[in-house]
Amino acid sequence: MSLRTYLFVAGGLMVVIGFLGLVEHVTIVPSSSNVGEFTCGTGFVRGPGGQPVEWVDKCDAATSARRMWAYPLLGVGLLIAMAGFVDRDKRKTSGGTARAA
């Protein structure tokens, strides 16, 4: 495979993983055992407004941590995938005047 193909594949995987990280629900598990998981929202939007007061800070921290890796992964993946569009092959841009050896 060529370098362009590797760039497309690597960048595309990074974009998909970053996007899924932002779309997937952020959940927290409270320390008390009688309550199950609590959904805090996604990386894009905050969750339901009826959160108990003691979980608001935990939800904010969890969604912030998700955004800290998902947005950069998405952005870097886009840049790497776009780098695959750059054609760096000198033989194609030399005007067709190749010298015979």
N, C-alpha and C. Protein backbone atom coordinates (compact mmCIF):
# COMPACT_ATOMS: atom_id res chain seq x y z
N MET A 1 0.84 -1.18 0.00
CA MET A 1 0.00 0.00 0.00
C MET A 1 0.88 1.24 0.00
N SER A 2 0.34 2.29 -0.56
CA SER A 2 1.09 3.53 -0.64
C SER A 2 0.91 4.35 0.65
N LEU A 3 1.71 5.37 0.77
CA LEU A 3 1.62 6.26 1.94
C LEU A 3 0.27 6.94 1.99
N ARG A 4 -0.26 7.31 0.84
CA ARG A 4 -1.57 7.96 0.79
C ARG A 4 -2.64 7.05 1.38
N THR A 5 -2.58 5.77 1.06
CA THR A 5 -3.56 4.83 1.59
C THR A 5 -3.45 4.71 3.10
N TYR A 6 -2.23 4.63 3.60
CA TYR A 6 -2.03 4.57 5.05
C TYR A 6 -2.57 5.84 5.73
N LEU A 7 -2.35 6.99 5.11
CA LEU A 7 -2.85 8.24 5.69
C LEU A 7 -4.38 8.25 5.72
N PHE A 8 -5.00 7.81 4.63
CA PHE A 8 -6.46 7.75 4.61
C PHE A 8 -7.00 6.80 5.68
N VAL A 9 -6.39 5.64 5.79
CA VAL A 9 -6.88 4.64 6.75
C VAL A 9 -6.67 5.12 8.19
N ALA A 10 -5.46 5.59 8.49
CA ALA A 10 -5.17 6.05 9.86
C ALA A 10 -6.01 7.26 10.22
N GLY A 11 -6.09 8.23 9.33
CA GLY A 11 -6.91 9.41 9.59
C GLY A 11 -8.37 9.08 9.72
N GLY A 12 -8.86 8.18 8.86
CA GLY A 12 -10.26 7.78 8.93
C GLY A 12 -10.60 7.07 10.23
N LEU A 13 -9.71 6.20 10.68
CA LEU A 13 -9.94 5.52 11.97
C LEU A 13 -9.96 6.51 13.13
N MET A 14 -9.06 7.47 13.08
CA MET A 14 -9.02 8.47 14.15
C MET A 14 -10.29 9.32 14.15
N VAL A 15 -10.78 9.68 12.98
CA VAL A 15 -12.01 10.46 12.88
C VAL A 15 -13.19 9.65 13.43
N VAL A 16 -13.27 8.39 13.05
CA VAL A 16 -14.39 7.56 13.51
C VAL A 16 -14.35 7.38 15.02
N ILE A 17 -13.18 7.10 15.57
CA ILE A 17 -13.07 6.90 17.02
C ILE A 17 -13.37 8.20 17.76
N GLY A 18 -12.86 9.32 17.27
CA GLY A 18 -13.16 10.60 17.91
C GLY A 18 -14.63 10.96 17.85
N PHE A 19 -15.27 10.71 16.70
CA PHE A 19 -16.69 11.00 16.57
C PHE A 19 -17.52 10.10 17.48
N LEU A 20 -17.18 8.81 17.52
CA LEU A 20 -17.91 7.91 18.41
C LEU A 20 -17.72 8.29 19.88
N GLY A 21 -16.54 8.79 20.21
CA GLY A 21 -16.31 9.25 21.58
C GLY A 21 -17.19 10.43 21.95
N LEU A 22 -17.51 11.27 20.98
CA LEU A 22 -18.37 12.42 21.25
C LEU A 22 -19.85 12.05 21.23
N VAL A 23 -20.22 11.07 20.43
CA VAL A 23 -21.63 10.70 20.30
C VAL A 23 -22.08 9.76 21.42
N GLU A 24 -21.18 8.89 21.86
CA GLU A 24 -21.53 7.90 22.89
C GLU A 24 -21.85 8.59 24.22
N HIS A 25 -22.80 8.02 24.94
CA HIS A 25 -23.21 8.59 26.22
C HIS A 25 -22.12 8.46 27.27
N VAL A 26 -21.96 9.50 28.06
CA VAL A 26 -21.03 9.50 29.19
C VAL A 26 -21.82 9.07 30.42
N THR A 27 -21.35 8.05 31.09
CA THR A 27 -22.04 7.56 32.28
C THR A 27 -21.08 7.57 33.47
N ILE A 28 -21.65 7.74 34.64
CA ILE A 28 -20.87 7.63 35.87
C ILE A 28 -21.54 6.60 36.76
N VAL A 29 -20.75 5.99 37.61
CA VAL A 29 -21.26 5.02 38.57
C VAL A 29 -21.04 5.62 39.95
N PRO A 30 -22.10 6.00 40.64
CA PRO A 30 -21.95 6.58 41.97
C PRO A 30 -21.35 5.58 42.95
N SER A 31 -20.77 6.11 44.00
CA SER A 31 -20.12 5.24 44.99
C SER A 31 -21.12 4.42 45.79
N SER A 32 -22.34 4.91 45.92
CA SER A 32 -23.33 4.12 46.67
C SER A 32 -23.78 2.95 45.80
N SER A 33 -23.87 1.78 46.39
CA SER A 33 -24.14 0.56 45.63
C SER A 33 -25.61 0.39 45.27
N ASN A 34 -26.51 1.16 45.89
CA ASN A 34 -27.94 0.98 45.61
C ASN A 34 -28.40 1.72 44.36
N VAL A 35 -27.53 2.53 43.77
CA VAL A 35 -27.87 3.28 42.57
C VAL A 35 -26.99 2.77 41.43
N GLY A 36 -27.59 2.54 40.27
CA GLY A 36 -26.84 2.06 39.12
C GLY A 36 -26.11 3.20 38.42
N GLU A 37 -25.87 3.01 37.14
CA GLU A 37 -25.19 4.03 36.36
C GLU A 37 -26.11 5.22 36.11
N PHE A 38 -25.50 6.38 35.93
CA PHE A 38 -26.24 7.60 35.66
C PHE A 38 -25.68 8.22 34.39
N THR A 39 -26.54 8.54 33.42
CA THR A 39 -26.12 9.11 32.15
C THR A 39 -25.98 10.62 32.29
N CYS A 40 -24.82 11.12 31.90
CA CYS A 40 -24.54 12.55 32.01
C CYS A 40 -24.70 13.29 30.69
N GLY A 41 -25.00 12.62 29.63
CA GLY A 41 -25.11 13.25 28.32
C GLY A 41 -24.05 12.69 27.40
N THR A 42 -23.71 13.45 26.35
CA THR A 42 -22.70 13.04 25.39
C THR A 42 -21.58 14.08 25.39
N GLY A 43 -20.62 13.89 24.50
CA GLY A 43 -19.56 14.86 24.37
C GLY A 43 -20.03 16.16 23.75
N PHE A 44 -21.16 16.11 23.04
CA PHE A 44 -21.71 17.30 22.41
C PHE A 44 -22.61 18.10 23.33
N VAL A 45 -23.51 17.41 24.03
CA VAL A 45 -24.51 18.09 24.85
C VAL A 45 -24.50 17.54 26.27
N ARG A 46 -24.95 18.37 27.18
CA ARG A 46 -25.06 17.95 28.57
C ARG A 46 -26.32 17.14 28.76
N GLY A 47 -26.31 16.29 29.74
CA GLY A 47 -27.42 15.37 29.99
C GLY A 47 -28.65 16.03 30.56
N PRO A 48 -29.55 15.22 31.09
CA PRO A 48 -30.81 15.74 31.62
C PRO A 48 -30.58 16.68 32.80
N GLY A 49 -31.47 17.64 32.94
CA GLY A 49 -31.32 18.65 33.98
C GLY A 49 -31.68 18.18 35.37
N GLY A 50 -32.29 17.03 35.52
CA GLY A 50 -32.73 16.56 36.83
C GLY A 50 -31.68 15.77 37.58
N GLN A 51 -30.44 16.18 37.47
CA GLN A 51 -29.35 15.47 38.15
C GLN A 51 -29.34 15.84 39.63
N PRO A 52 -29.03 14.86 40.48
CA PRO A 52 -28.81 15.20 41.88
C PRO A 52 -27.61 16.14 42.01
N VAL A 53 -27.66 17.02 42.97
CA VAL A 53 -26.65 18.06 43.11
C VAL A 53 -25.25 17.48 43.31
N GLU A 54 -25.14 16.39 44.03
CA GLU A 54 -23.81 15.82 44.30
C GLU A 54 -23.19 15.17 43.07
N TRP A 55 -23.97 14.92 42.01
CA TRP A 55 -23.42 14.29 40.81
C TRP A 55 -23.09 15.29 39.71
N VAL A 56 -23.48 16.54 39.87
CA VAL A 56 -23.26 17.54 38.82
C VAL A 56 -21.77 17.71 38.56
N ASP A 57 -20.96 17.84 39.61
CA ASP A 57 -19.52 18.00 39.42
C ASP A 57 -18.89 16.76 38.80
N LYS A 58 -19.36 15.59 39.20
CA LYS A 58 -18.83 14.35 38.63
C LYS A 58 -19.19 14.25 37.15
N CYS A 59 -20.41 14.63 36.79
CA CYS A 59 -20.82 14.60 35.39
C CYS A 59 -20.03 15.61 34.57
N ASP A 60 -19.83 16.80 35.12
CA ASP A 60 -19.04 17.80 34.40
C ASP A 60 -17.61 17.33 34.18
N ALA A 61 -17.04 16.69 35.17
CA ALA A 61 -15.67 16.18 35.04
C ALA A 61 -15.61 15.04 34.02
N ALA A 62 -16.61 14.17 34.02
CA ALA A 62 -16.62 13.05 33.09
C ALA A 62 -16.78 13.52 31.64
N THR A 63 -17.70 14.45 31.40
CA THR A 63 -17.88 14.95 30.03
C THR A 63 -16.69 15.78 29.59
N SER A 64 -16.08 16.50 30.51
CA SER A 64 -14.88 17.27 30.16
C SER A 64 -13.72 16.36 29.80
N ALA A 65 -13.56 15.27 30.54
CA ALA A 65 -12.50 14.31 30.23
C ALA A 65 -12.74 13.66 28.87
N ARG A 66 -13.98 13.39 28.55
CA ARG A 66 -14.30 12.80 27.24
C ARG A 66 -13.96 13.77 26.12
N ARG A 67 -14.31 15.04 26.32
CA ARG A 67 -14.02 16.06 25.30
C ARG A 67 -12.53 16.31 25.15
N MET A 68 -11.78 16.13 26.22
CA MET A 68 -10.33 16.40 26.18
C MET A 68 -9.60 15.47 25.22
N TRP A 69 -10.09 14.25 25.01
CA TRP A 69 -9.41 13.37 24.06
C TRP A 69 -10.17 13.21 22.75
N ALA A 70 -11.49 13.37 22.76
CA ALA A 70 -12.27 13.11 21.55
C ALA A 70 -12.13 14.23 20.52
N TYR A 71 -12.20 15.48 20.94
CA TYR A 71 -12.07 16.58 19.98
C TYR A 71 -10.68 16.62 19.33
N PRO A 72 -9.59 16.51 20.10
CA PRO A 72 -8.28 16.49 19.43
C PRO A 72 -8.10 15.28 18.52
N LEU A 73 -8.61 14.13 18.91
CA LEU A 73 -8.49 12.95 18.05
C LEU A 73 -9.24 13.15 16.74
N LEU A 74 -10.40 13.75 16.82
CA LEU A 74 -11.19 14.04 15.63
C LEU A 74 -10.47 15.04 14.72
N GLY A 75 -9.92 16.09 15.32
CA GLY A 75 -9.22 17.11 14.53
C GLY A 75 -7.95 16.60 13.89
N VAL A 76 -7.14 15.89 14.65
CA VAL A 76 -5.89 15.35 14.11
C VAL A 76 -6.19 14.30 13.04
N GLY A 77 -7.23 13.51 13.24
CA GLY A 77 -7.62 12.53 12.24
C GLY A 77 -8.03 13.18 10.94
N LEU A 78 -8.76 14.30 11.04
CA LEU A 78 -9.13 15.03 9.82
C LEU A 78 -7.90 15.57 9.10
N LEU A 79 -6.95 16.10 9.85
CA LEU A 79 -5.73 16.62 9.23
C LEU A 79 -4.93 15.52 8.55
N ILE A 80 -4.82 14.37 9.20
CA ILE A 80 -4.07 13.26 8.61
C ILE A 80 -4.77 12.73 7.37
N ALA A 81 -6.10 12.62 7.43
CA ALA A 81 -6.84 12.14 6.26
C ALA A 81 -6.73 13.14 5.11
N MET A 82 -6.74 14.43 5.41
CA MET A 82 -6.58 15.44 4.35
C MET A 82 -5.18 15.43 3.77
N ALA A 83 -4.20 15.03 4.56
CA ALA A 83 -2.83 14.94 4.05
C ALA A 83 -2.71 13.87 2.98
N GLY A 84 -3.61 12.92 2.98
CA GLY A 84 -3.62 11.92 1.93
C GLY A 84 -4.01 12.48 0.57
N PHE A 85 -4.65 13.64 0.54
CA PHE A 85 -5.01 14.27 -0.72
C PHE A 85 -3.83 14.95 -1.39
N VAL A 86 -2.80 15.25 -0.63
CA VAL A 86 -1.63 15.93 -1.19
C VAL A 86 -0.84 14.93 -2.02
N ASP A 87 -0.65 15.23 -3.28
CA ASP A 87 0.07 14.34 -4.17
C ASP A 87 1.53 14.77 -4.21
N ARG A 88 2.39 14.00 -3.60
CA ARG A 88 3.80 14.35 -3.49
C ARG A 88 4.67 13.58 -4.47
N ASP A 89 4.07 12.92 -5.44
CA ASP A 89 4.83 12.12 -6.39
C ASP A 89 5.45 13.03 -7.45
N LYS A 90 6.77 13.15 -7.46
CA LYS A 90 7.46 14.06 -8.37
C LYS A 90 7.38 13.60 -9.82
N ARG A 91 7.25 12.32 -10.06
CA ARG A 91 7.18 11.81 -11.43
C ARG A 91 5.93 12.30 -12.14
N LYS A 92 4.84 12.50 -11.42
CA LYS A 92 3.60 12.94 -12.04
C LYS A 92 3.60 14.44 -12.31
N THR A 93 4.36 15.22 -11.55
CA THR A 93 4.33 16.68 -11.69
C THR A 93 5.50 17.22 -12.49
N SER A 94 6.36 16.37 -13.04
CA SER A 94 7.53 16.87 -13.76
C SER A 94 7.23 17.24 -15.21
N GLY A 95 5.97 17.16 -15.63
CA GLY A 95 5.62 17.53 -16.99
C GLY A 95 5.84 16.43 -18.00
N GLY A 96 6.13 15.25 -17.55
CA GLY A 96 6.27 14.12 -18.45
C GLY A 96 7.63 14.05 -19.15
N THR A 97 8.63 14.76 -18.68
CA THR A 97 9.95 14.74 -19.31
C THR A 97 10.89 13.88 -18.48
N ALA A 98 10.68 12.59 -18.53
CA ALA A 98 11.54 11.68 -17.81
C ALA A 98 12.76 11.34 -18.65
N ARG A 99 13.94 11.32 -18.03
CA ARG A 99 15.16 10.99 -18.74
C ARG A 99 15.39 9.50 -18.74
N ALA A 100 15.88 9.01 -19.86
CA ALA A 100 16.21 7.59 -19.96
C ALA A 100 17.62 7.38 -19.42
N ALA A 101 17.82 6.34 -18.65
CA ALA A 101 19.14 6.11 -18.06
C ALA A 101 20.02 5.30 -18.94
